[in-house]
Protein backbone atom coordinates (compact mmCIF):
# COMPACT_ATOMS: atom_id res chain seq x y z
CA MET A 1 -54.95 309.34 78.27
CA LYS A 2 -52.59 312.41 80.46
CA ALA A 3 -49.80 313.87 79.64
CA LYS A 4 -46.82 311.71 80.89
CA ARG A 5 -44.42 313.86 83.64
CA LYS A 6 -41.03 314.99 81.75
CA VAL A 7 -38.11 314.37 84.34
CA GLU A 8 -34.20 314.28 83.58
CA ILE A 9 -33.24 310.73 85.74
CA ALA A 10 -35.63 308.25 86.45
CA VAL A 11 -34.27 305.52 88.87
CA ILE A 12 -35.40 301.84 89.93
CA SER A 13 -33.40 298.99 91.58
CA ASP A 14 -34.59 295.63 93.25
CA VAL A 15 -37.52 294.87 90.97
CA HIS A 16 -36.63 290.99 91.01
CA LEU A 17 -38.24 290.32 87.98
CA GLY A 18 -38.85 286.51 87.93
CA THR A 19 -39.97 286.23 91.82
CA PHE A 20 -43.17 285.80 93.10
CA GLY A 21 -43.10 289.15 95.26
CA CYS A 22 -41.97 291.50 92.63
CA HIS A 23 -45.12 293.73 91.46
CA ALA A 24 -44.33 294.04 87.52
CA LYS A 25 -47.57 295.48 86.83
CA HIS A 26 -47.25 298.73 88.74
CA LEU A 27 -43.69 299.14 87.43
CA LEU A 28 -45.33 299.29 84.09
CA THR A 29 -48.35 301.09 85.48
CA TYR A 30 -45.19 303.56 86.62
CA LEU A 31 -42.69 303.46 83.55
CA ASN A 32 -46.03 304.58 81.45
CA SER A 33 -46.56 307.77 83.53
CA ILE A 34 -43.13 309.51 83.17
CA ALA A 35 -40.54 310.63 80.02
CA PRO A 36 -37.16 310.19 81.22
CA LYS A 37 -34.43 311.41 79.50
CA LYS A 38 -32.60 308.65 81.47
CA LEU A 39 -33.60 305.73 83.31
CA ILE A 40 -31.46 303.98 85.40
CA LEU A 41 -31.91 300.54 86.16
CA ASN A 42 -29.62 300.53 89.34
CA GLY A 43 -29.52 296.79 90.07
CA ASP A 44 -31.33 293.61 90.73
CA ILE A 45 -33.98 294.32 87.72
CA ILE A 46 -34.01 290.74 86.38
CA ASP A 47 -33.71 287.50 89.50
CA ILE A 48 -31.26 285.26 87.96
CA TRP A 49 -30.91 283.94 91.28
CA GLN A 50 -34.79 282.82 91.20
CA PHE A 51 -34.99 282.65 87.62
CA SER A 52 -37.51 279.71 86.54
CA LYS A 53 -39.02 278.77 83.29
CA ARG A 54 -42.07 278.06 85.48
CA TYR A 55 -42.50 281.68 86.30
CA PHE A 56 -41.66 284.57 84.33
CA PRO A 57 -45.46 285.89 83.51
CA LYS A 58 -46.56 288.28 81.41
CA SER A 59 -46.53 291.31 82.85
CA HIS A 60 -42.63 291.05 83.61
CA LEU A 61 -41.89 290.14 80.03
CA SER A 62 -43.69 293.30 78.98
CA VAL A 63 -41.38 295.40 81.53
CA ILE A 64 -38.71 294.45 79.70
CA LYS A 65 -40.30 295.28 76.68
CA LYS A 66 -41.42 298.91 78.38
CA ILE A 67 -37.61 299.47 78.61
CA MET A 68 -36.86 298.30 75.14
CA ASP A 69 -39.56 300.76 73.35
CA MET A 70 -38.59 303.44 76.07
CA ALA A 71 -34.37 303.02 74.71
CA SER A 72 -35.71 302.56 71.05
CA ASP A 73 -37.66 305.61 71.79
CA GLY A 74 -34.43 307.90 72.56
CA VAL A 75 -34.28 306.91 76.56
CA GLU A 76 -30.78 306.38 77.48
CA VAL A 77 -31.05 303.36 79.62
CA ILE A 78 -28.32 302.47 82.55
CA TYR A 79 -27.80 298.89 83.52
CA ILE A 80 -26.38 298.98 86.50
CA THR A 81 -25.24 294.98 87.90
CA GLY A 82 -26.63 294.31 91.28
CA ASN A 83 -25.82 290.65 93.56
CA HIS A 84 -29.30 289.05 91.67
CA ASP A 85 -28.41 289.87 88.39
CA GLU A 86 -24.46 289.32 88.83
CA MET A 87 -24.15 287.40 85.87
CA LEU A 88 -24.42 290.40 83.45
CA ARG A 89 -21.03 291.42 84.99
CA LYS A 90 -19.85 289.24 82.33
CA PHE A 91 -20.82 292.22 80.06
CA SER A 92 -20.03 295.40 82.11
CA ASP A 93 -19.04 298.16 79.51
CA THR A 94 -20.92 297.33 77.51
CA THR A 95 -22.86 299.79 75.14
CA ILE A 96 -26.23 298.45 72.67
CA GLY A 97 -28.05 301.37 71.32
CA ASN A 98 -29.02 303.31 74.06
CA ILE A 99 -28.74 300.93 76.66
CA SER A 100 -25.05 300.51 78.38
CA ILE A 101 -24.19 297.82 81.22
CA VAL A 102 -22.04 298.93 83.89
CA ASP A 103 -21.05 298.06 87.45
CA LYS A 104 -21.55 301.99 88.43
CA ILE A 105 -21.38 305.07 86.96
CA VAL A 106 -20.26 308.73 88.00
CA LEU A 107 -22.45 311.99 86.42
CA GLU A 108 -21.99 315.64 86.11
CA LEU A 109 -25.53 316.71 87.38
CA ASP A 110 -26.16 320.30 87.14
CA GLY A 111 -22.34 320.92 88.04
CA LYS A 112 -22.58 318.67 91.28
CA LYS A 113 -21.16 314.81 91.16
CA ALA A 114 -23.46 312.06 91.77
CA TRP A 115 -22.65 308.19 92.43
CA PHE A 116 -24.23 305.55 91.61
CA PHE A 117 -24.09 301.71 92.35
CA HIS A 118 -26.51 299.39 93.74
CA GLY A 119 -24.42 298.43 96.86
CA ASP A 120 -23.59 294.89 97.56
CA VAL A 121 -20.15 295.22 97.28
CA PHE A 122 -20.56 296.57 100.93
CA ASP A 123 -22.66 292.95 102.02
CA VAL A 124 -20.09 290.62 103.44
CA SER A 125 -22.68 288.10 103.67
CA ILE A 126 -23.05 288.37 99.90
CA GLN A 127 -19.10 288.40 99.35
CA SER A 128 -18.56 285.88 101.74
CA ALA A 129 -21.51 283.48 101.88
CA LYS A 130 -23.10 283.70 98.49
CA TRP A 131 -25.03 280.07 99.15
CA LEU A 132 -26.62 281.51 102.43
CA ALA A 133 -27.76 284.77 100.70
CA ARG A 134 -29.48 283.03 98.16
CA LEU A 135 -31.24 281.01 100.99
CA GLY A 136 -32.25 284.49 102.39
CA GLY A 137 -33.64 285.53 99.13
CA TYR A 138 -35.66 282.24 98.87
CA GLY A 139 -36.61 282.85 102.06
CA TYR A 140 -37.71 286.36 101.68
CA ASP A 141 -39.84 285.34 98.36
CA LEU A 142 -41.86 283.23 100.49
CA LEU A 143 -42.40 286.13 103.35
CA ILE A 144 -43.64 288.15 100.32
CA LEU A 145 -46.10 285.42 99.31
CA LEU A 146 -46.85 284.60 103.16
CA ASN A 147 -47.11 288.95 103.09
CA ARG A 148 -49.91 289.31 100.16
CA PHE A 149 -52.13 286.57 101.68
CA VAL A 150 -52.13 287.96 105.07
CA ASN A 151 -53.22 291.22 103.27
CA TRP A 152 -55.83 289.89 101.23
CA CYS A 153 -56.97 288.62 104.73
CA LEU A 154 -57.14 291.88 106.47
CA GLU A 155 -58.67 293.37 103.68
CA LYS A 156 -61.76 291.10 103.74
CA MET A 157 -61.76 291.87 107.58
CA GLY A 158 -61.80 295.83 106.76
CA LYS A 159 -58.29 296.05 108.47
CA GLU A 160 -54.79 297.84 107.13
CA LYS A 161 -52.82 296.07 105.69
CA PHE A 162 -48.98 295.52 106.81
CA SER A 163 -45.60 294.76 105.99
CA LEU A 164 -44.43 291.20 107.50
CA SER A 165 -40.85 291.37 106.20
CA LYS A 166 -40.89 295.35 107.41
CA LYS A 167 -41.87 294.48 110.81
CA ILE A 168 -39.24 292.08 111.17
CA LYS A 169 -36.37 294.48 109.82
CA ASN A 170 -37.42 296.92 112.49
CA SER A 171 -37.70 294.50 114.81
CA VAL A 172 -34.34 292.93 114.79
CA LYS A 173 -31.23 294.59 115.73
CA SER A 174 -28.65 293.30 113.73
CA ALA A 175 -31.13 294.46 110.76
CA VAL A 176 -31.69 298.08 111.51
CA LYS A 177 -27.40 298.15 112.35
CA TYR A 178 -26.78 297.10 109.00
CA ILE A 179 -28.90 299.29 107.65
CA ASN A 180 -27.59 302.22 109.46
CA ASP A 181 -24.00 300.60 108.94
CA PHE A 182 -24.59 300.65 104.83
CA GLU A 183 -25.87 304.05 104.71
CA LYS A 184 -22.83 305.49 106.66
CA VAL A 185 -20.15 303.53 104.77
CA ALA A 186 -21.58 304.64 101.55
CA SER A 187 -21.69 308.71 102.78
CA ASP A 188 -18.42 308.37 104.37
CA ILE A 189 -16.85 306.94 100.33
CA ALA A 190 -18.26 309.51 98.71
CA ILE A 191 -17.52 312.14 100.68
CA GLU A 192 -13.92 311.18 100.81
CA ASN A 193 -14.27 311.03 97.08
CA GLY A 194 -15.68 314.24 96.71
CA TYR A 195 -19.48 313.13 95.75
CA ASP A 196 -22.22 315.47 95.76
CA TYR A 197 -24.70 312.31 95.36
CA VAL A 198 -24.79 308.95 96.27
CA ILE A 199 -27.20 306.72 94.84
CA CYS A 200 -27.43 303.05 96.25
CA GLY A 201 -30.25 300.02 96.08
CA HIS A 202 -30.01 296.71 97.41
CA ILE A 203 -31.16 297.10 101.07
CA HIS A 204 -34.95 298.05 100.04
CA GLN A 205 -35.52 300.90 101.85
CA PRO A 206 -36.35 303.96 100.46
CA LYS A 207 -34.64 307.43 101.46
CA MET A 208 -33.56 309.96 101.10
CA ALA A 209 -30.45 312.08 103.43
CA GLU A 210 -27.74 314.56 103.84
CA ARG A 211 -25.02 312.62 106.06
CA GLN A 212 -21.46 314.53 106.98
CA ASN A 213 -18.68 313.75 108.83
CA ALA A 214 -15.82 315.94 109.64
CA HIS A 215 -14.25 315.77 106.37
CA GLY A 216 -17.68 316.69 104.60
CA LYS A 217 -21.03 316.22 103.80
CA THR A 218 -22.98 314.39 100.63
CA THR A 219 -27.04 313.51 99.75
CA TYR A 220 -27.46 309.53 100.18
CA LEU A 221 -30.62 307.94 98.11
CA ASN A 222 -32.01 305.43 97.99
CA SER A 223 -34.65 304.17 95.36
CA GLY A 224 -36.00 301.39 97.43
CA ASP A 225 -37.40 298.58 95.81
CA TRP A 226 -40.82 296.96 93.70
CA VAL A 227 -41.20 294.29 96.13
CA GLU A 228 -42.95 296.00 99.30
CA HIS A 229 -42.27 299.88 98.57
CA PHE A 230 -42.94 300.78 95.22
CA THR A 231 -41.29 303.55 95.14
CA ALA A 232 -37.94 305.62 93.07
CA LEU A 233 -36.08 308.27 92.65
CA GLU A 234 -36.67 311.13 89.95
CA TYR A 235 -34.20 313.98 89.37
CA GLN A 236 -35.96 317.06 87.94
CA PHE A 237 -35.02 321.12 88.21
CA LYS A 238 -31.40 320.51 90.09
CA ARG A 239 -33.21 318.65 92.66
CA TRP A 240 -33.98 314.47 93.72
CA LYS A 241 -37.68 313.25 94.88
CA ILE A 242 -38.73 309.92 96.16
CA TYR A 243 -41.56 308.85 93.88
CA ASN A 244 -43.84 306.43 95.87
CA TYR A 245 -46.31 304.67 93.64
CA ASN A 246 -49.11 304.32 96.98
CA ASN A 247 -49.15 308.22 97.65
CA ASP A 248 -48.84 309.25 93.93
CA LYS A 249 -51.91 310.50 92.38
CA LEU A 250 -50.76 309.49 88.85
CA ARG A 251 -50.86 306.02 89.85
CA ALA A 252 -54.34 305.96 87.91
CA PHE A 253 -52.36 305.39 84.71
CA TYR A 254 -51.81 302.13 82.99
CA ALA A 255 -49.43 299.69 80.97
CA ASP A 256 -49.61 300.38 77.22
CA GLU A 257 -52.88 299.01 75.40
CA ALA A 258 -50.37 297.71 72.95
CA ILE A 259 -48.52 295.68 75.28
CA LYS A 260 -51.40 294.76 77.45
CA ASP A 261 -53.12 293.12 74.18
CA MET A 262 -50.36 291.21 73.04
CA ASP A 263 -49.93 286.93 74.13
CA VAL A 264 -46.75 285.52 75.92
CA LYS A 265 -45.34 284.01 72.16
CA ASP A 266 -45.50 287.76 71.12
CA LEU A 267 -44.04 289.33 74.05
CA ILE A 268 -41.41 286.98 73.49
CA ALA A 269 -40.78 287.84 69.84
CA ALA A 270 -40.87 291.13 70.91
CA VAL A 271 -38.05 291.21 73.25
CA THR A 272 -35.30 288.79 71.48
CA ILE A 273 -35.89 289.40 67.88
CA VAL A 274 -34.67 292.77 66.57
CA ASP A 275 -35.61 294.02 62.71
CA GLN A 276 -33.50 294.24 60.20
CA LYS A 277 -33.41 296.47 57.40
CA PRO A 278 -34.53 294.66 53.88
CA LYS A 279 -31.51 294.31 51.61
CA LYS A 280 -31.12 296.36 48.76
CA LYS A 281 -31.52 294.44 45.80
CA LYS A 282 -28.49 294.54 43.49
CA LYS A 283 -29.01 295.88 40.08
CA THR A 284 -28.88 293.75 37.08
CA ASN A 285 -27.62 294.75 33.51
């Protein structure tokens, strides 16, 4: 088996475990290829909005177990809450072992300040009309399912795949404007607060760009998603890069054999039961 790549920080977001659009196997492959010191889960990892007991396949459970295994092996896991997993905000500022839950965090990286948060705080539709946002979430999931079928047909015909949602986003002026406004607002606030990096998720658009205004500059980064783009952010050797599963040569990694061979019941037990050390028997005279 190939050696794992060492990275100081890996950032993933918008996995949406529990939905049909989630590519959990791709994510498992990626997580198995790296050895990070910190793993930052930047929101919408578990899609509590669309959670259903009828759909939470083995590969989705395997992602949860993989993350827990990484934490038990010494990786610092920081779970930043998003809008689809906002229920976890009840537990913000909670730490269990190497796993902590926060709403946002600022880290110092080689003398520079990095501001991490999901990004839904800028989304007016989420704040003022949650039912509409939830409806949009279901529609997006159905669109991804339709896209999979279309791409399967295109592949059989020997034609190139394409993204329906990306085509719709790029053709709707309001969607393009929203993305541009999101990036600008995040960058302007980061500059105002003296942050060298601002790292978001939420809009499913992987990006790394230097932004500036009259008051200064910052680097805007977005980790993308594991529904369409299969991207992550990595920090190593004082620099950031966007990892793309479709382009990276390390995509040939597979999930841990131990996880692949486990059945669903064993996986559920593994992520819910904490081993306790046996109590020592008291000596009797």
